[in-house]
Amino acid sequence: MEIIDILFTASFWAAAIRIASPLIFATLGELICERAGVLNLGIEGIMVAGAFAGWMAVYSGTGLWVGVGVAMLVGMLFGLLHSILTVPFGLSQHVVGLGVTLLATSSTYYAYRLALPEVTSPPKIEAFQPFEIPILSDIPLIGPALFSQTPFTYLAFVLVAVVAVILYRTPLGLAVRAAGENPAAVAAQGLSVNAIRMGAVVVGSGFMAMGGAFLTMSAFDSFFFEMVNGRGWICIALVVFGSWRPGKALLGAILFAAFDALQIRVQQTSLGSLVPYQIFLMMPYILSIVALVLMSRRAEVPAALMVPFNKGER
């Protein structure tokens, strides 16, 4: 009964939405890359770089939204590096992605030590504060959960709608999806497959960095080395869970976040005193794997995902 009571509290769902927000940004970024035919395994490192860049910009005196822009720009630069190596040069997307993760992570740690050599505990910034939307925030259960979040969280939901509209209602979205399904058809229309794929990777990487920036500028108010903690790899799985569709990916992110928020609260119940806490830590990942297996059996992978394209070759 205690678990059922938890599920019907506004604080639980507010926490789930908050935990899901960085996953939404990064999952959207990975989805855009894969829709264009490029697997971006640099996501973990790009999130770390974005978390640091946004936080450092605000700590240096810029505004919060400027910090978000700085984080996105840094992510796009790493995305540009990834796209140059994988698209026109056709190098292994797995190897390049892991290389970008290592480069972004290690360069972030170096920049942190270079900028703050004497600091023993991370300095704090004035992070985004919750903003209650009038009237909507007063709706029982749903209001405090959805409409009492920070502006950064609202942006995540807006971007889901924007990406969905662009991908499925615009010529640009059609070109991106075609680049991941049938690049030869795109080239036959006189469009540059390489340019489309590189643009998708650059934009997608910017979204990933925004996911990292959310952690330092909305969820927390400082930067520490392990804060991303594997969220990038979870986002890759969420893209598959969502069948490469923004709406389903959003639901997947909220589902994983709900499992995560639930395990924290269950540890504080009577059940938590009987079961080792490691079991609860495993729970969101186990349940996510089960859901991923069930959903991925019906998922349609982009036909040209990870397939290099050379104009004139069949």
Protein backbone atom coordinates (compact mmCIF):
# COMPACT_ATOMS: atom_id res chain seq x y z
CA MET A 1 0.00 0.00 0.00
CA GLU A 2 2.87 2.37 0.71
CA ILE A 3 4.06 2.12 -2.91
CA ILE A 4 0.53 2.83 -4.19
CA ASP A 5 0.34 5.89 -1.96
CA ILE A 6 3.65 7.14 -3.34
CA LEU A 7 2.40 6.85 -6.92
CA PHE A 8 -0.52 9.16 -6.15
CA THR A 9 1.46 12.02 -4.68
CA ALA A 10 2.25 15.22 -6.58
CA SER A 11 5.77 15.36 -5.14
CA PHE A 12 6.59 11.98 -6.68
CA TRP A 13 5.56 13.00 -10.19
CA ALA A 14 7.19 16.41 -9.81
CA ALA A 15 10.45 14.61 -9.01
CA ALA A 16 9.94 12.24 -11.95
CA ILE A 17 9.51 15.15 -14.38
CA ARG A 18 12.57 16.84 -12.93
CA ILE A 19 14.69 13.69 -13.28
CA ALA A 20 13.37 13.14 -16.82
CA SER A 21 14.21 16.64 -18.09
CA PRO A 22 17.94 16.13 -18.86
CA LEU A 23 17.07 12.76 -20.41
CA ILE A 24 14.54 14.46 -22.70
CA PHE A 25 17.11 16.92 -24.07
CA ALA A 26 19.78 14.27 -24.66
CA THR A 27 17.34 11.69 -26.06
CA LEU A 28 16.03 14.23 -28.57
CA GLY A 29 19.60 14.97 -29.60
CA GLU A 30 20.45 11.31 -30.11
CA LEU A 31 17.16 10.74 -31.94
CA ILE A 32 17.93 13.52 -34.44
CA CYS A 33 21.39 12.05 -35.10
CA GLU A 34 20.09 8.51 -35.60
CA ARG A 35 17.17 9.64 -37.75
CA ALA A 36 19.77 11.06 -40.13
CA GLY A 37 21.72 7.78 -40.07
CA VAL A 38 24.47 8.55 -37.54
CA LEU A 39 24.90 6.80 -34.19
CA ASN A 40 26.41 9.32 -31.76
CA LEU A 41 28.14 7.52 -28.90
CA GLY A 42 29.76 10.78 -27.89
CA ILE A 43 26.60 11.63 -25.96
CA GLU A 44 27.98 10.89 -22.49
CA GLY A 45 31.04 13.10 -22.91
CA ILE A 46 29.06 15.84 -24.65
CA MET A 47 26.66 15.96 -21.70
CA VAL A 48 29.62 16.32 -19.32
CA ALA A 49 31.09 19.13 -21.43
CA GLY A 50 27.72 20.88 -21.62
CA ALA A 51 27.23 20.60 -17.87
CA PHE A 52 30.58 22.23 -17.21
CA ALA A 53 30.40 24.87 -19.96
CA GLY A 54 26.97 26.15 -18.94
CA TRP A 55 27.87 26.19 -15.24
CA MET A 56 31.23 27.88 -15.84
CA ALA A 57 29.64 30.55 -18.02
CA VAL A 58 27.14 31.43 -15.29
CA TYR A 59 29.81 31.25 -12.59
CA SER A 60 31.85 33.73 -14.67
CA GLY A 61 29.02 36.24 -14.57
CA THR A 62 26.75 35.60 -17.57
CA GLY A 63 23.00 35.06 -17.37
CA LEU A 64 21.42 31.64 -17.07
CA TRP A 65 20.08 31.57 -20.62
CA VAL A 66 23.45 32.71 -21.93
CA GLY A 67 24.91 29.76 -20.05
CA VAL A 68 22.47 27.45 -21.82
CA GLY A 69 23.58 28.93 -25.14
CA VAL A 70 27.25 28.43 -24.26
CA ALA A 71 26.60 24.81 -23.34
CA MET A 72 24.77 24.21 -26.60
CA LEU A 73 27.59 25.83 -28.58
CA VAL A 74 30.19 23.60 -26.93
CA GLY A 75 28.07 20.54 -27.66
CA MET A 76 27.73 21.59 -31.29
CA LEU A 77 31.51 21.92 -31.61
CA PHE A 78 32.00 18.35 -30.41
CA GLY A 79 29.18 17.32 -32.74
CA LEU A 80 30.97 19.00 -35.62
CA LEU A 81 34.12 17.01 -34.84
CA HIS A 82 32.09 13.79 -34.67
CA SER A 83 30.29 14.52 -37.92
CA ILE A 84 33.46 15.39 -39.85
CA LEU A 85 35.10 12.12 -38.87
CA THR A 86 32.07 9.88 -39.44
CA VAL A 87 30.21 11.41 -42.39
CA PRO A 88 32.63 12.59 -45.13
CA PHE A 89 35.54 10.47 -43.88
CA GLY A 90 33.34 7.46 -43.13
CA LEU A 91 35.21 6.37 -39.99
CA SER A 92 33.63 3.91 -37.55
CA GLN A 93 30.80 5.64 -35.73
CA HIS A 94 31.36 3.43 -32.69
CA VAL A 95 35.05 4.27 -32.39
CA VAL A 96 34.63 7.98 -33.10
CA GLY A 97 31.73 8.27 -30.66
CA LEU A 98 33.67 6.66 -27.84
CA GLY A 99 36.66 8.83 -28.74
CA VAL A 100 34.52 11.98 -28.54
CA THR A 101 33.21 10.87 -25.14
CA LEU A 102 36.75 10.38 -23.84
CA LEU A 103 37.95 13.67 -25.37
CA ALA A 104 35.01 15.71 -24.07
CA THR A 105 35.20 14.19 -20.59
CA SER A 106 38.97 14.50 -20.16
CA SER A 107 39.12 18.03 -21.62
CA THR A 108 36.31 19.07 -19.27
CA TYR A 109 38.18 17.77 -16.25
CA TYR A 110 41.33 19.53 -17.43
CA ALA A 111 39.47 22.81 -17.97
CA TYR A 112 37.91 22.54 -14.51
CA ARG A 113 41.29 22.06 -12.82
CA LEU A 114 42.80 24.82 -14.95
CA ALA A 115 40.03 27.30 -14.13
CA LEU A 116 39.70 26.38 -10.45
CA PRO A 117 43.04 24.93 -9.35
CA GLU A 118 42.66 25.64 -5.62
CA VAL A 119 38.99 24.72 -5.21
CA THR A 120 38.22 21.69 -3.02
CA SER A 121 34.42 21.86 -3.22
CA PRO A 122 32.50 22.99 -6.33
CA PRO A 123 31.36 26.63 -6.18
CA LYS A 124 27.62 27.25 -6.39
CA ILE A 125 25.66 29.40 -8.81
CA GLU A 126 22.17 30.87 -8.77
CA ALA A 127 20.33 28.17 -10.72
CA PHE A 128 16.93 28.25 -12.44
CA GLN A 129 14.11 28.43 -9.91
CA PRO A 130 10.69 26.75 -10.17
CA PHE A 131 8.08 28.88 -11.88
CA GLU A 132 4.42 28.14 -11.20
CA ILE A 133 2.12 28.69 -14.17
CA PRO A 134 -1.01 30.43 -12.87
CA ILE A 135 -4.22 28.38 -12.76
CA LEU A 136 -2.57 25.30 -14.31
CA SER A 137 -0.35 24.77 -11.27
CA ASP A 138 -3.48 24.57 -9.07
CA ILE A 139 -4.81 21.45 -10.81
CA PRO A 140 -4.72 18.58 -8.27
CA LEU A 141 -1.80 16.16 -8.70
CA ILE A 142 -1.03 17.19 -12.31
CA GLY A 143 -0.57 20.89 -11.56
CA PRO A 144 2.30 20.69 -9.05
CA ALA A 145 3.96 17.95 -11.11
CA LEU A 146 3.86 19.56 -14.56
CA PHE A 147 3.33 23.27 -14.04
CA SER A 148 5.58 24.08 -11.07
CA GLN A 149 8.90 23.27 -12.72
CA THR A 150 11.81 25.44 -13.80
CA PRO A 151 11.74 27.20 -17.21
CA PHE A 152 14.45 24.80 -18.37
CA THR A 153 12.04 21.87 -17.91
CA TYR A 154 9.31 23.68 -19.85
CA LEU A 155 11.81 24.17 -22.65
CA ALA A 156 12.42 20.41 -22.79
CA PHE A 157 8.74 19.72 -23.42
CA VAL A 158 8.48 22.50 -25.98
CA LEU A 159 11.44 21.06 -27.88
CA VAL A 160 9.74 17.65 -28.07
CA ALA A 161 6.83 19.26 -29.89
CA VAL A 162 9.11 21.36 -32.10
CA VAL A 163 11.26 18.38 -33.11
CA ALA A 164 8.16 16.25 -33.82
CA VAL A 165 6.65 18.96 -36.04
CA ILE A 166 9.92 19.53 -37.92
CA LEU A 167 10.57 15.83 -38.47
CA TYR A 168 7.08 14.91 -39.65
CA ARG A 169 5.56 18.13 -41.01
CA THR A 170 8.35 19.93 -42.89
CA PRO A 171 10.52 19.29 -45.95
CA LEU A 172 13.61 19.56 -43.73
CA GLY A 173 12.34 16.78 -41.49
CA LEU A 174 11.56 14.64 -44.51
CA ALA A 175 15.11 15.14 -45.78
CA VAL A 176 16.58 14.18 -42.39
CA ARG A 177 14.49 11.02 -42.16
CA ALA A 178 15.26 10.13 -45.76
CA ALA A 179 19.00 10.52 -45.08
CA GLY A 180 18.65 7.81 -42.47
CA GLU A 181 16.39 5.58 -44.56
CA ASN A 182 17.38 5.97 -48.19
CA PRO A 183 20.28 8.39 -48.71
CA ALA A 184 20.51 7.53 -52.41
CA ALA A 185 17.01 8.94 -52.92
CA VAL A 186 18.06 12.14 -51.15
CA ALA A 187 21.09 12.49 -53.44
CA ALA A 188 18.86 11.84 -56.47
CA GLN A 189 16.84 14.92 -55.49
CA GLY A 190 19.97 17.05 -55.67
CA LEU A 191 20.40 17.34 -51.89
CA SER A 192 23.64 16.75 -50.03
CA VAL A 193 23.38 13.70 -47.79
CA ASN A 194 26.61 14.64 -46.04
CA ALA A 195 25.38 18.15 -45.26
CA ILE A 196 22.09 16.86 -43.88
CA ARG A 197 23.77 14.25 -41.72
CA MET A 198 26.42 16.64 -40.44
CA GLY A 199 23.80 19.26 -39.63
CA ALA A 200 21.72 16.70 -37.74
CA VAL A 201 24.71 15.57 -35.68
CA VAL A 202 25.70 19.15 -34.86
CA VAL A 203 22.18 20.14 -33.77
CA GLY A 204 21.64 16.86 -31.94
CA SER A 205 24.90 17.28 -30.04
CA GLY A 206 23.80 20.76 -29.01
CA PHE A 207 20.66 19.25 -27.47
CA MET A 208 22.79 16.66 -25.65
CA ALA A 209 24.90 19.42 -24.12
CA MET A 210 21.72 21.18 -22.98
CA GLY A 211 20.79 17.98 -21.16
CA GLY A 212 24.09 18.16 -19.33
CA ALA A 213 23.61 21.87 -18.61
CA PHE A 214 20.25 21.11 -17.02
CA LEU A 215 22.05 19.15 -14.31
CA THR A 216 24.26 22.05 -13.26
CA MET A 217 21.83 24.90 -13.89
CA SER A 218 18.45 23.49 -12.87
CA ALA A 219 18.69 20.18 -11.03
CA PHE A 220 21.75 21.27 -9.02
CA ASP A 221 23.66 24.53 -8.63
CA SER A 222 27.24 23.30 -9.06
CA PHE A 223 29.39 21.01 -11.16
CA PHE A 224 30.97 17.77 -10.01
CA PHE A 225 32.70 15.12 -12.05
CA GLU A 226 30.28 12.17 -11.75
CA MET A 227 27.04 14.09 -12.15
CA VAL A 228 26.10 12.75 -15.61
CA ASN A 229 26.54 9.22 -14.24
CA GLY A 230 25.66 7.19 -17.34
CA ARG A 231 22.59 9.18 -18.36
CA GLY A 232 23.93 9.43 -21.90
CA TRP A 233 23.92 5.66 -22.34
CA ILE A 234 20.38 5.52 -20.96
CA CYS A 235 19.31 8.04 -23.61
CA ILE A 236 20.61 5.81 -26.40
CA ALA A 237 18.36 3.05 -25.07
CA LEU A 238 15.44 5.49 -24.80
CA VAL A 239 15.71 6.28 -28.51
CA VAL A 240 15.19 2.60 -29.27
CA PHE A 241 12.42 2.40 -26.67
CA GLY A 242 10.68 5.31 -28.36
CA SER A 243 10.99 3.71 -31.82
CA TRP A 244 12.86 6.81 -33.02
CA ARG A 245 9.78 8.99 -32.39
CA PRO A 246 9.94 12.09 -30.15
CA GLY A 247 6.61 11.50 -28.39
CA LYS A 248 7.37 7.91 -27.45
CA ALA A 249 10.90 8.86 -26.44
CA LEU A 250 9.40 11.47 -24.08
CA LEU A 251 7.22 8.81 -22.47
CA GLY A 252 10.24 6.53 -22.14
CA ALA A 253 12.24 9.25 -20.37
CA ILE A 254 9.39 9.91 -17.93
CA LEU A 255 8.96 6.16 -17.33
CA PHE A 256 12.64 5.69 -16.48
CA ALA A 257 12.61 8.80 -14.29
CA ALA A 258 9.51 7.52 -12.47
CA PHE A 259 11.28 4.23 -11.72
CA ASP A 260 14.26 6.21 -10.43
CA ALA A 261 12.14 8.49 -8.26
CA LEU A 262 10.21 5.48 -6.95
CA GLN A 263 13.29 3.55 -5.84
CA ILE A 264 14.46 6.54 -3.79
CA ARG A 265 11.15 6.72 -1.96
CA VAL A 266 10.70 2.98 -1.50
CA GLN A 267 14.02 2.86 0.36
CA GLN A 268 12.41 5.08 3.00
CA THR A 269 9.43 2.75 3.56
CA SER A 270 9.16 -0.34 5.73
CA LEU A 271 10.10 -2.41 2.69
CA GLY A 272 13.37 -0.51 2.53
CA SER A 273 14.43 -1.87 5.91
CA LEU A 274 13.91 -5.46 4.73
CA VAL A 275 15.51 -5.38 1.27
CA PRO A 276 19.14 -4.38 0.52
CA TYR A 277 19.24 -0.88 -0.94
CA GLN A 278 21.25 -2.15 -3.96
CA ILE A 279 18.09 -3.93 -5.15
CA PHE A 280 16.26 -0.61 -5.30
CA LEU A 281 19.16 1.02 -7.15
CA MET A 282 18.92 -1.75 -9.75
CA MET A 283 15.14 -1.47 -10.11
CA PRO A 284 14.87 1.40 -12.65
CA TYR A 285 17.49 -0.21 -14.89
CA ILE A 286 15.92 -3.68 -14.71
CA LEU A 287 12.43 -2.37 -15.42
CA SER A 288 13.78 -0.20 -18.23
CA ILE A 289 15.54 -3.18 -19.81
CA VAL A 290 12.30 -5.17 -19.69
CA ALA A 291 10.36 -2.30 -21.25
CA LEU A 292 13.11 -1.81 -23.86
CA VAL A 293 12.99 -5.48 -24.87
CA LEU A 294 9.21 -5.39 -25.22
CA MET A 295 9.15 -2.17 -27.22
CA SER A 296 12.19 -2.78 -29.41
CA ARG A 297 10.70 -5.95 -30.91
CA ARG A 298 8.26 -3.71 -32.79
CA ALA A 299 10.68 -0.86 -33.48
CA GLU A 300 11.72 -0.08 -37.05
CA VAL A 301 15.38 0.88 -37.12
CA PRO A 302 16.32 3.54 -39.72
CA ALA A 303 17.49 1.44 -42.67
CA ALA A 304 20.69 3.43 -43.26
CA LEU A 305 21.68 3.88 -39.62
CA MET A 306 25.50 3.59 -39.34
CA VAL A 307 25.77 3.02 -43.11
CA PRO A 308 28.29 5.42 -44.72
CA PHE A 309 27.13 7.09 -47.94
CA ASN A 310 29.38 7.77 -50.88
CA LYS A 311 27.77 9.54 -53.78
CA GLY A 312 27.72 7.40 -56.90
CA GLU A 313 28.11 4.09 -55.04
CA ARG A 314 25.33 1.56 -54.66
